[in-house]
Amino acid sequence: MAYGMEFKNGADVVTLDSEYSRLSILQKGRYSGGATFSPAITTQEPPLVFVRPDATSTFSYVTILGTPGNWTGFSFLVDGAGGFFVAAFQARAVASYGFRVWGPSANLLIDSGTPCAQFTRTITDWTYLGSSSTGQGTTKSSWTATSPLNTGDYMLVNNIGMDVGGASTRFCKLYCTWDYQNNRIVPFVEGVANSIYLYISVTFAKPIT
């Protein structure tokens, strides 16, 4: 950077930089079928919603509620409850003292009262488990990847609301199971023309304490 502010840690890794925003936690709490943001989140793009269920749960039909500049909450079909945090590459002005850093477009990059999170891992390589009939004219196809679920990580659920392309032009509905017993993530789709390949990614992050 030519000018501004930059912090490095003991390993010479840049941790704060006035040219780049960090992943800030805007809100956190508990969910059960979803949650309401209070106050509304004012980012133009939907905020990133990360969840950590209390027990094995299957997520589907994830929806970020609201409109650009006024995101009011999220909802999904899930058989349980857990904790969540909502993050974006934008800080909130919450500190009563400390420091703040604004970007060139007057966007607030850093507020010393806004906690931050870090991405921990992304799964892109899946093992195909096979397919079976749902008994309703569709087929369920599943994949998995061994993934430690006892590390305090939270799973990004924004993309679980997306449909997945089938082997032909038909789409498939995407689901994802957080499986504590087997220490793994199991995404699966239901449709009539499923592929044996899965190209979605599942991303994890955790609050920095």
N, C-alpha and C. Protein backbone atom coordinates (compact mmCIF):
# COMPACT_ATOMS: atom_id res chain seq x y z
N MET A 1 0.84 -1.19 0.00
CA MET A 1 0.00 0.00 0.00
C MET A 1 0.88 1.24 0.00
N ALA A 2 0.45 2.28 -0.68
CA ALA A 2 1.24 3.50 -0.79
C ALA A 2 1.09 4.39 0.43
N TYR A 3 -0.07 4.34 1.07
CA TYR A 3 -0.30 5.16 2.25
C TYR A 3 -1.45 4.56 3.02
N GLY A 4 -1.64 5.01 4.25
CA GLY A 4 -2.73 4.51 5.07
C GLY A 4 -2.21 3.80 6.30
N MET A 5 -2.92 2.76 6.72
CA MET A 5 -2.59 2.05 7.95
C MET A 5 -2.46 0.57 7.66
N GLU A 6 -1.49 -0.07 8.30
CA GLU A 6 -1.30 -1.49 8.13
C GLU A 6 -0.76 -2.08 9.43
N PHE A 7 -1.39 -3.19 9.88
CA PHE A 7 -0.92 -3.91 11.05
C PHE A 7 -0.47 -5.30 10.61
N LYS A 8 0.67 -5.74 11.17
CA LYS A 8 1.15 -7.10 10.95
C LYS A 8 1.31 -7.79 12.30
N ASN A 9 1.06 -9.12 12.29
CA ASN A 9 1.25 -9.86 13.53
C ASN A 9 2.69 -10.36 13.64
N GLY A 10 2.95 -11.19 14.66
CA GLY A 10 4.31 -11.66 14.89
C GLY A 10 4.86 -12.54 13.79
N ALA A 11 3.97 -13.09 12.95
CA ALA A 11 4.40 -13.92 11.82
C ALA A 11 4.51 -13.11 10.53
N ASP A 12 4.48 -11.78 10.64
CA ASP A 12 4.59 -10.87 9.50
C ASP A 12 3.41 -11.00 8.54
N VAL A 13 2.26 -11.41 9.07
CA VAL A 13 1.03 -11.50 8.28
C VAL A 13 0.20 -10.25 8.51
N VAL A 14 -0.27 -9.63 7.44
CA VAL A 14 -1.10 -8.43 7.56
C VAL A 14 -2.45 -8.81 8.15
N THR A 15 -2.81 -8.20 9.26
CA THR A 15 -4.08 -8.49 9.92
C THR A 15 -5.09 -7.37 9.73
N LEU A 16 -4.63 -6.15 9.58
CA LEU A 16 -5.51 -5.01 9.30
C LEU A 16 -4.84 -4.14 8.24
N ASP A 17 -5.64 -3.66 7.31
CA ASP A 17 -5.10 -2.83 6.24
C ASP A 17 -6.18 -1.84 5.84
N SER A 18 -5.82 -0.57 5.72
CA SER A 18 -6.82 0.45 5.43
C SER A 18 -7.33 0.41 4.00
N GLU A 19 -6.75 -0.43 3.15
CA GLU A 19 -7.26 -0.57 1.78
C GLU A 19 -8.26 -1.70 1.65
N TYR A 20 -8.29 -2.61 2.63
CA TYR A 20 -9.13 -3.80 2.51
C TYR A 20 -9.96 -3.98 3.77
N SER A 21 -11.23 -4.27 3.59
CA SER A 21 -12.08 -4.54 4.73
C SER A 21 -11.87 -5.96 5.22
N ARG A 22 -12.13 -6.21 6.48
CA ARG A 22 -12.04 -7.55 7.03
C ARG A 22 -13.45 -8.13 7.15
N LEU A 23 -13.54 -9.41 7.41
CA LEU A 23 -14.83 -10.07 7.57
C LEU A 23 -15.34 -9.75 8.97
N SER A 24 -16.29 -8.84 9.06
CA SER A 24 -16.78 -8.36 10.35
C SER A 24 -18.07 -9.07 10.73
N ILE A 25 -18.19 -9.39 12.00
CA ILE A 25 -19.42 -9.98 12.52
C ILE A 25 -20.38 -8.85 12.88
N LEU A 26 -21.48 -8.77 12.15
CA LEU A 26 -22.43 -7.68 12.35
C LEU A 26 -23.46 -8.02 13.42
N GLN A 27 -23.83 -9.30 13.53
CA GLN A 27 -24.76 -9.74 14.55
C GLN A 27 -24.54 -11.22 14.82
N LYS A 28 -24.96 -11.68 15.98
CA LYS A 28 -24.89 -13.10 16.31
C LYS A 28 -26.00 -13.42 17.29
N GLY A 29 -26.32 -14.70 17.39
CA GLY A 29 -27.38 -15.10 18.31
C GLY A 29 -27.76 -16.55 18.11
N ARG A 30 -29.02 -16.85 18.39
CA ARG A 30 -29.56 -18.18 18.28
C ARG A 30 -30.60 -18.21 17.16
N TYR A 31 -30.71 -19.35 16.48
CA TYR A 31 -31.73 -19.51 15.45
C TYR A 31 -32.60 -20.71 15.77
N SER A 32 -33.80 -20.68 15.26
CA SER A 32 -34.71 -21.83 15.25
C SER A 32 -35.64 -21.61 14.08
N GLY A 33 -35.31 -22.22 12.96
CA GLY A 33 -36.06 -21.95 11.73
C GLY A 33 -35.66 -20.65 11.07
N GLY A 34 -34.68 -19.97 11.64
CA GLY A 34 -34.23 -18.69 11.13
C GLY A 34 -34.06 -17.70 12.26
N ALA A 35 -33.85 -16.44 11.91
CA ALA A 35 -33.67 -15.40 12.92
C ALA A 35 -33.94 -14.05 12.26
N THR A 36 -34.21 -13.05 13.09
CA THR A 36 -34.43 -11.68 12.64
C THR A 36 -33.23 -10.82 12.97
N PHE A 37 -32.80 -9.99 12.03
CA PHE A 37 -31.70 -9.07 12.28
C PHE A 37 -32.24 -7.82 12.97
N SER A 38 -31.59 -7.41 14.03
CA SER A 38 -32.01 -6.20 14.74
C SER A 38 -30.77 -5.44 15.20
N PRO A 39 -30.48 -4.30 14.54
CA PRO A 39 -31.24 -3.66 13.46
C PRO A 39 -31.00 -4.37 12.12
N ALA A 40 -31.72 -3.93 11.10
CA ALA A 40 -31.52 -4.47 9.75
C ALA A 40 -30.09 -4.20 9.30
N ILE A 41 -29.57 -5.08 8.46
CA ILE A 41 -28.21 -4.95 7.94
C ILE A 41 -28.25 -4.19 6.62
N THR A 42 -27.35 -3.22 6.47
CA THR A 42 -27.48 -2.24 5.39
C THR A 42 -26.55 -2.48 4.22
N THR A 43 -25.94 -3.67 4.12
CA THR A 43 -25.09 -3.95 2.96
C THR A 43 -25.94 -4.04 1.70
N GLN A 44 -25.33 -3.75 0.56
CA GLN A 44 -26.07 -3.89 -0.69
C GLN A 44 -26.24 -5.36 -1.07
N GLU A 45 -25.21 -6.15 -0.86
CA GLU A 45 -25.29 -7.59 -1.14
C GLU A 45 -25.79 -8.30 0.11
N PRO A 46 -26.41 -9.47 -0.03
CA PRO A 46 -26.88 -10.19 1.16
C PRO A 46 -25.71 -10.50 2.09
N PRO A 47 -25.89 -10.35 3.39
CA PRO A 47 -24.82 -10.70 4.33
C PRO A 47 -24.59 -12.20 4.34
N LEU A 48 -23.43 -12.60 4.82
CA LEU A 48 -23.08 -14.02 4.91
C LEU A 48 -23.58 -14.57 6.23
N VAL A 49 -24.39 -15.63 6.16
CA VAL A 49 -24.98 -16.24 7.35
C VAL A 49 -24.26 -17.55 7.65
N PHE A 50 -23.68 -17.65 8.83
CA PHE A 50 -22.96 -18.85 9.26
C PHE A 50 -23.71 -19.46 10.44
N VAL A 51 -23.86 -20.78 10.44
CA VAL A 51 -24.63 -21.45 11.48
C VAL A 51 -23.82 -22.60 12.07
N ARG A 52 -24.13 -22.91 13.32
CA ARG A 52 -23.56 -24.08 14.00
C ARG A 52 -24.68 -24.74 14.79
N PRO A 53 -25.25 -25.84 14.27
CA PRO A 53 -26.39 -26.47 14.94
C PRO A 53 -26.00 -27.15 16.24
N ASP A 54 -26.97 -27.25 17.15
CA ASP A 54 -26.73 -27.93 18.42
C ASP A 54 -26.62 -29.44 18.24
N ALA A 55 -27.31 -29.98 17.25
CA ALA A 55 -27.33 -31.42 17.00
C ALA A 55 -27.38 -31.63 15.49
N THR A 56 -27.27 -32.88 15.05
CA THR A 56 -27.34 -33.19 13.63
C THR A 56 -28.58 -32.57 13.01
N SER A 57 -28.39 -31.83 11.92
CA SER A 57 -29.49 -31.09 11.30
C SER A 57 -29.32 -31.09 9.79
N THR A 58 -30.44 -30.98 9.09
CA THR A 58 -30.44 -30.86 7.64
C THR A 58 -31.00 -29.50 7.25
N PHE A 59 -30.22 -28.75 6.47
CA PHE A 59 -30.61 -27.40 6.05
C PHE A 59 -31.12 -27.43 4.61
N SER A 60 -32.15 -26.64 4.34
CA SER A 60 -32.68 -26.53 2.99
C SER A 60 -33.51 -25.26 2.87
N TYR A 61 -33.78 -24.85 1.64
CA TYR A 61 -34.61 -23.68 1.35
C TYR A 61 -34.15 -22.45 2.14
N VAL A 62 -32.84 -22.22 2.15
CA VAL A 62 -32.32 -21.05 2.87
C VAL A 62 -32.68 -19.78 2.11
N THR A 63 -33.20 -18.80 2.83
CA THR A 63 -33.57 -17.52 2.24
C THR A 63 -33.05 -16.39 3.11
N ILE A 64 -32.35 -15.43 2.48
CA ILE A 64 -31.94 -14.21 3.17
C ILE A 64 -33.06 -13.20 2.94
N LEU A 65 -33.69 -12.76 4.00
CA LEU A 65 -34.88 -11.93 3.90
C LEU A 65 -34.53 -10.45 3.81
N GLY A 66 -35.28 -9.72 3.00
CA GLY A 66 -35.08 -8.28 2.88
C GLY A 66 -34.70 -7.89 1.47
N THR A 67 -34.15 -6.71 1.35
CA THR A 67 -33.76 -6.13 0.07
C THR A 67 -32.41 -5.45 0.24
N PRO A 68 -31.71 -5.15 -0.87
CA PRO A 68 -30.41 -4.48 -0.75
C PRO A 68 -30.50 -3.22 0.12
N GLY A 69 -29.62 -3.15 1.11
CA GLY A 69 -29.62 -2.03 2.04
C GLY A 69 -30.55 -2.20 3.22
N ASN A 70 -31.34 -3.30 3.22
CA ASN A 70 -32.32 -3.51 4.30
C ASN A 70 -32.58 -5.00 4.48
N TRP A 71 -31.55 -5.74 4.89
CA TRP A 71 -31.69 -7.17 5.12
C TRP A 71 -32.21 -7.39 6.52
N THR A 72 -33.32 -8.11 6.63
CA THR A 72 -34.05 -8.17 7.91
C THR A 72 -33.93 -9.49 8.64
N GLY A 73 -33.38 -10.54 8.00
CA GLY A 73 -33.25 -11.82 8.69
C GLY A 73 -32.99 -12.94 7.71
N PHE A 74 -33.14 -14.17 8.18
CA PHE A 74 -32.99 -15.34 7.32
C PHE A 74 -33.92 -16.43 7.81
N SER A 75 -34.23 -17.34 6.92
CA SER A 75 -35.09 -18.47 7.26
C SER A 75 -34.64 -19.69 6.49
N PHE A 76 -34.97 -20.87 7.01
CA PHE A 76 -34.72 -22.11 6.30
C PHE A 76 -35.57 -23.20 6.92
N LEU A 77 -35.63 -24.34 6.24
CA LEU A 77 -36.25 -25.53 6.80
C LEU A 77 -35.14 -26.32 7.48
N VAL A 78 -35.24 -26.52 8.78
CA VAL A 78 -34.21 -27.23 9.52
C VAL A 78 -34.84 -27.88 10.73
N ASP A 79 -34.38 -29.06 11.06
CA ASP A 79 -34.97 -29.80 12.17
C ASP A 79 -34.17 -29.60 13.45
N GLY A 80 -34.06 -28.36 13.90
CA GLY A 80 -33.33 -28.10 15.13
C GLY A 80 -32.98 -26.63 15.28
N ALA A 81 -32.13 -26.35 16.26
CA ALA A 81 -31.74 -24.98 16.57
C ALA A 81 -30.23 -24.93 16.76
N GLY A 82 -29.70 -23.75 16.90
CA GLY A 82 -28.26 -23.60 17.10
C GLY A 82 -27.86 -22.15 17.17
N GLY A 83 -26.57 -21.91 17.02
CA GLY A 83 -26.05 -20.55 17.04
C GLY A 83 -25.73 -20.07 15.64
N PHE A 84 -25.71 -18.76 15.47
CA PHE A 84 -25.38 -18.19 14.16
C PHE A 84 -24.61 -16.88 14.35
N PHE A 85 -23.90 -16.50 13.32
CA PHE A 85 -23.43 -15.12 13.21
C PHE A 85 -23.56 -14.68 11.77
N VAL A 86 -23.74 -13.39 11.60
CA VAL A 86 -23.92 -12.78 10.29
C VAL A 86 -22.73 -11.87 10.04
N ALA A 87 -22.10 -12.01 8.89
CA ALA A 87 -20.87 -11.28 8.62
C ALA A 87 -20.91 -10.62 7.24
N ALA A 88 -20.08 -9.63 7.09
CA ALA A 88 -19.93 -8.95 5.80
C ALA A 88 -18.58 -8.26 5.80
N PHE A 89 -18.13 -7.89 4.61
CA PHE A 89 -16.88 -7.14 4.50
C PHE A 89 -17.18 -5.66 4.68
N GLN A 90 -17.75 -5.36 5.83
CA GLN A 90 -18.15 -4.00 6.18
C GLN A 90 -18.36 -3.95 7.68
N ALA A 91 -17.83 -2.94 8.33
CA ALA A 91 -17.98 -2.83 9.78
C ALA A 91 -19.23 -2.01 10.12
N ARG A 92 -19.61 -2.08 11.40
CA ARG A 92 -20.67 -1.23 11.94
C ARG A 92 -20.05 -0.27 12.94
N ALA A 93 -20.57 0.94 12.96
CA ALA A 93 -20.07 1.95 13.91
C ALA A 93 -20.71 1.70 15.27
N VAL A 94 -20.04 0.89 16.09
CA VAL A 94 -20.60 0.51 17.38
C VAL A 94 -19.72 0.91 18.55
N ALA A 95 -18.43 1.15 18.33
CA ALA A 95 -17.53 1.44 19.44
C ALA A 95 -17.79 2.84 19.99
N SER A 96 -17.83 2.96 21.32
CA SER A 96 -17.95 4.28 21.95
C SER A 96 -16.59 4.96 22.08
N TYR A 97 -15.52 4.17 21.99
CA TYR A 97 -14.17 4.72 21.92
C TYR A 97 -13.29 3.69 21.23
N GLY A 98 -12.12 4.11 20.75
CA GLY A 98 -11.24 3.22 20.01
C GLY A 98 -10.81 3.86 18.71
N PHE A 99 -10.98 3.12 17.59
CA PHE A 99 -10.61 3.70 16.31
C PHE A 99 -11.50 3.15 15.21
N ARG A 100 -11.59 3.92 14.14
CA ARG A 100 -12.32 3.53 12.94
C ARG A 100 -11.49 3.88 11.72
N VAL A 101 -11.66 3.06 10.66
CA VAL A 101 -10.97 3.31 9.41
C VAL A 101 -12.00 3.26 8.29
N TRP A 102 -12.01 4.31 7.45
CA TRP A 102 -12.91 4.37 6.31
C TRP A 102 -12.14 4.13 5.02
N GLY A 103 -12.79 3.56 4.04
CA GLY A 103 -12.20 3.35 2.73
C GLY A 103 -12.35 4.58 1.86
N PRO A 104 -11.85 4.51 0.62
CA PRO A 104 -11.89 5.67 -0.28
C PRO A 104 -13.30 6.09 -0.68
N SER A 105 -14.27 5.19 -0.55
CA SER A 105 -15.66 5.53 -0.88
C SER A 105 -16.46 5.87 0.36
N ALA A 106 -15.77 6.23 1.44
CA ALA A 106 -16.40 6.57 2.72
C ALA A 106 -17.13 5.39 3.34
N ASN A 107 -16.73 4.17 2.96
CA ASN A 107 -17.28 2.97 3.56
C ASN A 107 -16.45 2.60 4.78
N LEU A 108 -17.13 2.23 5.85
CA LEU A 108 -16.45 1.91 7.10
C LEU A 108 -15.83 0.52 7.02
N LEU A 109 -14.49 0.47 7.01
CA LEU A 109 -13.78 -0.80 6.89
C LEU A 109 -13.56 -1.47 8.24
N ILE A 110 -13.19 -0.68 9.24
CA ILE A 110 -12.81 -1.22 10.54
C ILE A 110 -13.40 -0.37 11.65
N ASP A 111 -14.01 -1.01 12.61
CA ASP A 111 -14.45 -0.37 13.84
C ASP A 111 -13.96 -1.24 14.99
N SER A 112 -13.26 -0.65 15.94
CA SER A 112 -12.64 -1.45 16.99
C SER A 112 -13.65 -2.14 17.89
N GLY A 113 -14.92 -1.78 17.78
CA GLY A 113 -15.95 -2.46 18.55
C GLY A 113 -16.66 -3.56 17.79
N THR A 114 -16.31 -3.73 16.51
CA THR A 114 -16.93 -4.78 15.69
C THR A 114 -16.05 -6.01 15.68
N PRO A 115 -16.51 -7.14 16.21
CA PRO A 115 -15.69 -8.36 16.17
C PRO A 115 -15.54 -8.86 14.75
N CYS A 116 -14.54 -9.67 14.52
CA CYS A 116 -14.33 -10.18 13.16
C CYS A 116 -14.27 -11.70 13.16
N ALA A 117 -14.33 -12.27 11.99
CA ALA A 117 -14.29 -13.72 11.80
C ALA A 117 -13.24 -14.04 10.74
N GLN A 118 -12.86 -15.29 10.68
CA GLN A 118 -11.93 -15.71 9.65
C GLN A 118 -12.43 -16.99 9.00
N PHE A 119 -12.24 -17.10 7.69
CA PHE A 119 -12.55 -18.34 6.99
C PHE A 119 -11.55 -19.40 7.43
N THR A 120 -12.04 -20.60 7.68
CA THR A 120 -11.17 -21.67 8.15
C THR A 120 -10.94 -22.77 7.11
N ARG A 121 -11.93 -23.09 6.30
CA ARG A 121 -11.75 -24.14 5.30
C ARG A 121 -12.92 -24.13 4.34
N THR A 122 -12.70 -24.70 3.18
CA THR A 122 -13.74 -24.86 2.17
C THR A 122 -13.64 -26.27 1.61
N ILE A 123 -14.77 -26.95 1.53
CA ILE A 123 -14.81 -28.30 0.96
C ILE A 123 -15.31 -28.21 -0.48
N THR A 124 -14.54 -28.73 -1.40
CA THR A 124 -14.93 -28.75 -2.81
C THR A 124 -14.83 -30.14 -3.42
N ASP A 125 -14.21 -31.08 -2.71
CA ASP A 125 -13.99 -32.42 -3.23
C ASP A 125 -14.91 -33.40 -2.50
N TRP A 126 -15.87 -33.98 -3.24
CA TRP A 126 -16.90 -34.80 -2.62
C TRP A 126 -16.79 -36.26 -3.05
N THR A 127 -17.16 -37.16 -2.14
CA THR A 127 -17.27 -38.58 -2.44
C THR A 127 -18.74 -38.93 -2.67
N TYR A 128 -19.03 -39.50 -3.82
CA TYR A 128 -20.41 -39.86 -4.16
C TYR A 128 -20.85 -41.07 -3.36
N LEU A 129 -21.99 -40.95 -2.66
CA LEU A 129 -22.50 -42.04 -1.84
C LEU A 129 -23.53 -42.90 -2.56
N GLY A 130 -24.13 -42.37 -3.64
CA GLY A 130 -25.12 -43.13 -4.38
C GLY A 130 -26.47 -42.45 -4.40
N SER A 131 -27.45 -43.11 -5.00
CA SER A 131 -28.79 -42.55 -5.17
C SER A 131 -29.84 -43.57 -4.77
N SER A 132 -31.00 -43.03 -4.41
CA SER A 132 -32.13 -43.90 -4.05
C SER A 132 -33.42 -43.17 -4.38
N SER A 133 -34.49 -43.92 -4.52
CA SER A 133 -35.79 -43.33 -4.84
C SER A 133 -36.41 -42.72 -3.59
N THR A 134 -37.06 -41.57 -3.75
CA THR A 134 -37.77 -40.95 -2.64
C THR A 134 -39.18 -41.51 -2.49
N GLY A 135 -39.65 -42.26 -3.51
CA GLY A 135 -41.01 -42.77 -3.49
C GLY A 135 -42.04 -41.77 -3.96
N GLN A 136 -41.55 -40.61 -4.40
CA GLN A 136 -42.46 -39.55 -4.88
C GLN A 136 -42.11 -39.12 -6.30
N GLY A 137 -41.51 -40.04 -7.04
CA GLY A 137 -41.18 -39.74 -8.43
C GLY A 137 -39.87 -39.02 -8.63
N THR A 138 -39.12 -38.81 -7.55
CA THR A 138 -37.82 -38.16 -7.65
C THR A 138 -36.74 -39.07 -7.06
N THR A 139 -35.50 -38.68 -7.28
CA THR A 139 -34.35 -39.45 -6.79
C THR A 139 -33.52 -38.59 -5.85
N LYS A 140 -33.05 -39.22 -4.80
CA LYS A 140 -32.15 -38.55 -3.85
C LYS A 140 -30.72 -39.04 -4.10
N SER A 141 -29.81 -38.09 -4.34
CA SER A 141 -28.40 -38.41 -4.57
C SER A 141 -27.56 -37.70 -3.51
N SER A 142 -26.60 -38.43 -2.93
CA SER A 142 -25.85 -37.91 -1.78
C SER A 142 -24.35 -37.97 -2.01
N TRP A 143 -23.64 -37.04 -1.36
CA TRP A 143 -22.18 -37.00 -1.35
C TRP A 143 -21.71 -36.73 0.08
N THR A 144 -20.46 -36.88 0.33
CA THR A 144 -19.95 -36.57 1.66
C THR A 144 -18.48 -36.20 1.60
N ALA A 145 -18.02 -35.64 2.70
CA ALA A 145 -16.59 -35.37 2.89
C ALA A 145 -16.33 -35.38 4.39
N THR A 146 -15.31 -36.08 4.80
CA THR A 146 -14.95 -36.06 6.21
C THR A 146 -14.57 -34.64 6.60
N SER A 147 -15.14 -34.17 7.70
CA SER A 147 -14.92 -32.78 8.08
C SER A 147 -15.07 -32.65 9.58
N PRO A 148 -14.05 -32.21 10.31
CA PRO A 148 -14.17 -32.10 11.76
C PRO A 148 -15.22 -31.06 12.14
N LEU A 149 -16.16 -31.48 12.97
CA LEU A 149 -17.26 -30.59 13.37
C LEU A 149 -17.14 -30.15 14.83
N ASN A 150 -16.02 -30.48 15.46
CA ASN A 150 -15.84 -30.15 16.87
C ASN A 150 -14.81 -29.05 17.08
N THR A 151 -14.59 -28.26 16.04
CA THR A 151 -13.55 -27.23 16.09
C THR A 151 -14.10 -25.83 16.38
N GLY A 152 -15.41 -25.72 16.56
CA GLY A 152 -16.00 -24.41 16.77
C GLY A 152 -16.33 -23.66 15.50
N ASP A 153 -16.17 -24.32 14.35
CA ASP A 153 -16.46 -23.68 13.07
C ASP A 153 -17.97 -23.56 12.85
N TYR A 154 -18.34 -22.58 12.04
CA TYR A 154 -19.72 -22.36 11.60
C TYR A 154 -19.76 -22.56 10.09
N MET A 155 -20.89 -23.04 9.58
CA MET A 155 -21.04 -23.32 8.14
C MET A 155 -21.82 -22.21 7.45
N LEU A 156 -21.31 -21.75 6.32
CA LEU A 156 -22.02 -20.78 5.50
C LEU A 156 -23.22 -21.45 4.83
N VAL A 157 -24.41 -20.84 4.96
CA VAL A 157 -25.60 -21.48 4.42
C VAL A 157 -26.22 -20.71 3.25
N ASN A 158 -25.64 -19.58 2.86
CA ASN A 158 -26.24 -18.79 1.77
C ASN A 158 -26.47 -19.62 0.51
N ASN A 159 -25.49 -20.45 0.14
CA ASN A 159 -25.63 -21.19 -1.12
C ASN A 159 -26.49 -22.44 -0.99
N ILE A 160 -26.91 -22.80 0.23
CA ILE A 160 -27.77 -23.98 0.38
C ILE A 160 -29.17 -23.68 -0.14
N GLY A 161 -29.50 -22.44 -0.35
CA GLY A 161 -30.80 -22.09 -0.91
C GLY A 161 -30.85 -22.19 -2.42
N MET A 162 -29.71 -22.48 -3.05
CA MET A 162 -29.67 -22.51 -4.51
C MET A 162 -30.13 -23.86 -5.05
N ASP A 163 -30.71 -23.86 -6.24
CA ASP A 163 -30.99 -25.10 -6.96
C ASP A 163 -29.72 -25.55 -7.67
N VAL A 164 -29.63 -26.83 -7.94
CA VAL A 164 -28.47 -27.42 -8.59
C VAL A 164 -28.89 -27.96 -9.95
N GLY A 165 -28.07 -27.74 -10.93
CA GLY A 165 -28.37 -28.26 -12.26
C GLY A 165 -28.34 -29.78 -12.28
N GLY A 166 -29.26 -30.38 -13.02
CA GLY A 166 -29.29 -31.83 -13.15
C GLY A 166 -28.42 -32.30 -14.29
N ALA A 167 -28.51 -33.59 -14.58
CA ALA A 167 -27.73 -34.16 -15.68
C ALA A 167 -28.26 -33.68 -17.03
N SER A 168 -29.52 -33.21 -17.05
CA SER A 168 -30.06 -32.61 -18.27
C SER A 168 -30.44 -31.17 -17.91
N THR A 169 -31.52 -30.66 -18.46
CA THR A 169 -31.88 -29.26 -18.21
C THR A 169 -32.67 -29.10 -16.91
N ARG A 170 -33.09 -30.19 -16.30
CA ARG A 170 -33.90 -30.08 -15.09
C ARG A 170 -33.02 -29.75 -13.89
N PHE A 171 -33.61 -29.02 -12.93
CA PHE A 171 -32.88 -28.66 -11.73
C PHE A 171 -33.19 -29.65 -10.61
N CYS A 172 -32.33 -29.62 -9.58
CA CYS A 172 -32.51 -30.45 -8.40
C CYS A 172 -32.49 -29.54 -7.17
N LYS A 173 -33.22 -29.90 -6.15
CA LYS A 173 -33.23 -29.13 -4.90
C LYS A 173 -32.08 -29.59 -4.01
N LEU A 174 -31.33 -28.62 -3.48
CA LEU A 174 -30.15 -28.90 -2.69
C LEU A 174 -30.46 -28.89 -1.19
N TYR A 175 -29.91 -29.85 -0.48
CA TYR A 175 -29.99 -29.95 0.98
C TYR A 175 -28.58 -30.19 1.50
N CYS A 176 -28.38 -29.97 2.80
CA CYS A 176 -27.08 -30.26 3.39
C CYS A 176 -27.26 -30.68 4.84
N THR A 177 -26.72 -31.83 5.19
CA THR A 177 -26.82 -32.36 6.55
C THR A 177 -25.50 -32.16 7.29
N TRP A 178 -25.60 -31.59 8.47
CA TRP A 178 -24.47 -31.47 9.40
C TRP A 178 -24.56 -32.70 10.30
N ASP A 179 -23.66 -33.66 10.12
CA ASP A 179 -23.74 -34.99 10.73
C ASP A 179 -22.70 -35.12 11.84
N TYR A 180 -23.11 -34.84 13.08
CA TYR A 180 -22.17 -34.92 14.20
C TYR A 180 -21.69 -36.34 14.45
N GLN A 181 -22.59 -37.32 14.35
CA GLN A 181 -22.25 -38.69 14.70
C GLN A 181 -21.10 -39.23 13.87
N ASN A 182 -21.11 -38.89 12.58
CA ASN A 182 -20.07 -39.38 11.68
C ASN A 182 -19.02 -38.32 11.34
N ASN A 183 -19.12 -37.17 12.01
CA ASN A 183 -18.12 -36.10 11.85
C ASN A 183 -17.94 -35.71 10.38
N ARG A 184 -19.05 -35.42 9.72
CA ARG A 184 -18.99 -35.14 8.30
C ARG A 184 -20.14 -34.25 7.87
N ILE A 185 -20.00 -33.71 6.68
CA ILE A 185 -21.06 -32.96 6.01
C ILE A 185 -21.60 -33.83 4.88
N VAL A 186 -22.94 -33.89 4.75
CA VAL A 186 -23.56 -34.71 3.71
C VAL A 186 -24.52 -33.84 2.89
N PRO A 187 -24.06 -33.24 1.81
CA PRO A 187 -24.99 -32.57 0.91
C PRO A 187 -25.72 -33.59 0.05
N PHE A 188 -26.97 -33.32 -0.27
CA PHE A 188 -27.69 -34.21 -1.18
C PHE A 188 -28.69 -33.39 -1.98
N VAL A 189 -29.10 -33.96 -3.10
CA VAL A 189 -30.07 -33.29 -3.96
C VAL A 189 -31.24 -34.24 -4.20
N GLU A 190 -32.38 -33.65 -4.50
CA GLU A 190 -33.55 -34.42 -4.92
C GLU A 190 -34.05 -33.85 -6.23
N GLY A 191 -34.22 -34.73 -7.21
CA GLY A 191 -34.67 -34.30 -8.51
C GLY A 191 -34.99 -35.49 -9.39
N VAL A 192 -35.21 -35.24 -10.68
CA VAL A 192 -35.57 -36.31 -11.60
C VAL A 192 -34.48 -36.60 -12.61
N ALA A 193 -33.43 -35.79 -12.63
CA ALA A 193 -32.34 -36.01 -13.59
C ALA A 193 -31.02 -35.66 -12.91
N ASN A 194 -30.72 -36.34 -11.81
CA ASN A 194 -29.56 -36.00 -11.00
C ASN A 194 -28.25 -36.38 -11.69
N SER A 195 -27.22 -35.59 -11.43
CA SER A 195 -25.87 -35.92 -11.85
C SER A 195 -25.19 -36.70 -10.73
N ILE A 196 -24.14 -37.42 -11.08
CA ILE A 196 -23.35 -38.10 -10.04
C ILE A 196 -22.24 -37.19 -9.52
N TYR A 197 -22.16 -35.98 -10.08
CA TYR A 197 -21.12 -35.03 -9.68
C TYR A 197 -21.75 -33.87 -8.91
N LEU A 198 -21.01 -33.34 -7.96
CA LEU A 198 -21.46 -32.19 -7.19
C LEU A 198 -20.38 -31.13 -7.24
N TYR A 199 -20.77 -29.91 -7.64
CA TYR A 199 -19.79 -28.85 -7.83
C TYR A 199 -19.93 -27.70 -6.84
N ILE A 200 -20.84 -27.82 -5.90
CA ILE A 200 -20.96 -26.75 -4.91
C ILE A 200 -19.81 -26.85 -3.91
N SER A 201 -19.56 -25.76 -3.21
CA SER A 201 -18.58 -25.77 -2.13
C SER A 201 -19.29 -25.47 -0.82
N VAL A 202 -18.73 -25.98 0.26
CA VAL A 202 -19.22 -25.67 1.60
C VAL A 202 -18.09 -25.00 2.35
N THR A 203 -18.35 -23.80 2.86
CA THR A 203 -17.33 -22.98 3.48
C THR A 203 -17.59 -22.80 4.97
N PHE A 204 -16.53 -22.78 5.75
CA PHE A 204 -16.63 -22.64 7.20
C PHE A 204 -15.85 -21.41 7.65
N ALA A 205 -16.28 -20.84 8.77
CA ALA A 205 -15.57 -19.72 9.39
C ALA A 205 -15.81 -19.79 10.87
N LYS A 206 -15.05 -19.01 11.63
CA LYS A 206 -15.26 -18.94 13.07
C LYS A 206 -14.93 -17.53 13.56
N PRO A 207 -15.59 -17.11 14.64
CA PRO A 207 -15.27 -15.81 15.23
C PRO A 207 -13.82 -15.81 15.74
N ILE A 208 -13.17 -14.69 15.62
CA ILE A 208 -11.82 -14.51 16.18
C ILE A 208 -11.98 -13.95 17.59
N THR A 209 -11.47 -14.66 18.57
CA THR A 209 -11.58 -14.21 19.95
C THR A 209 -10.24 -13.79 20.51
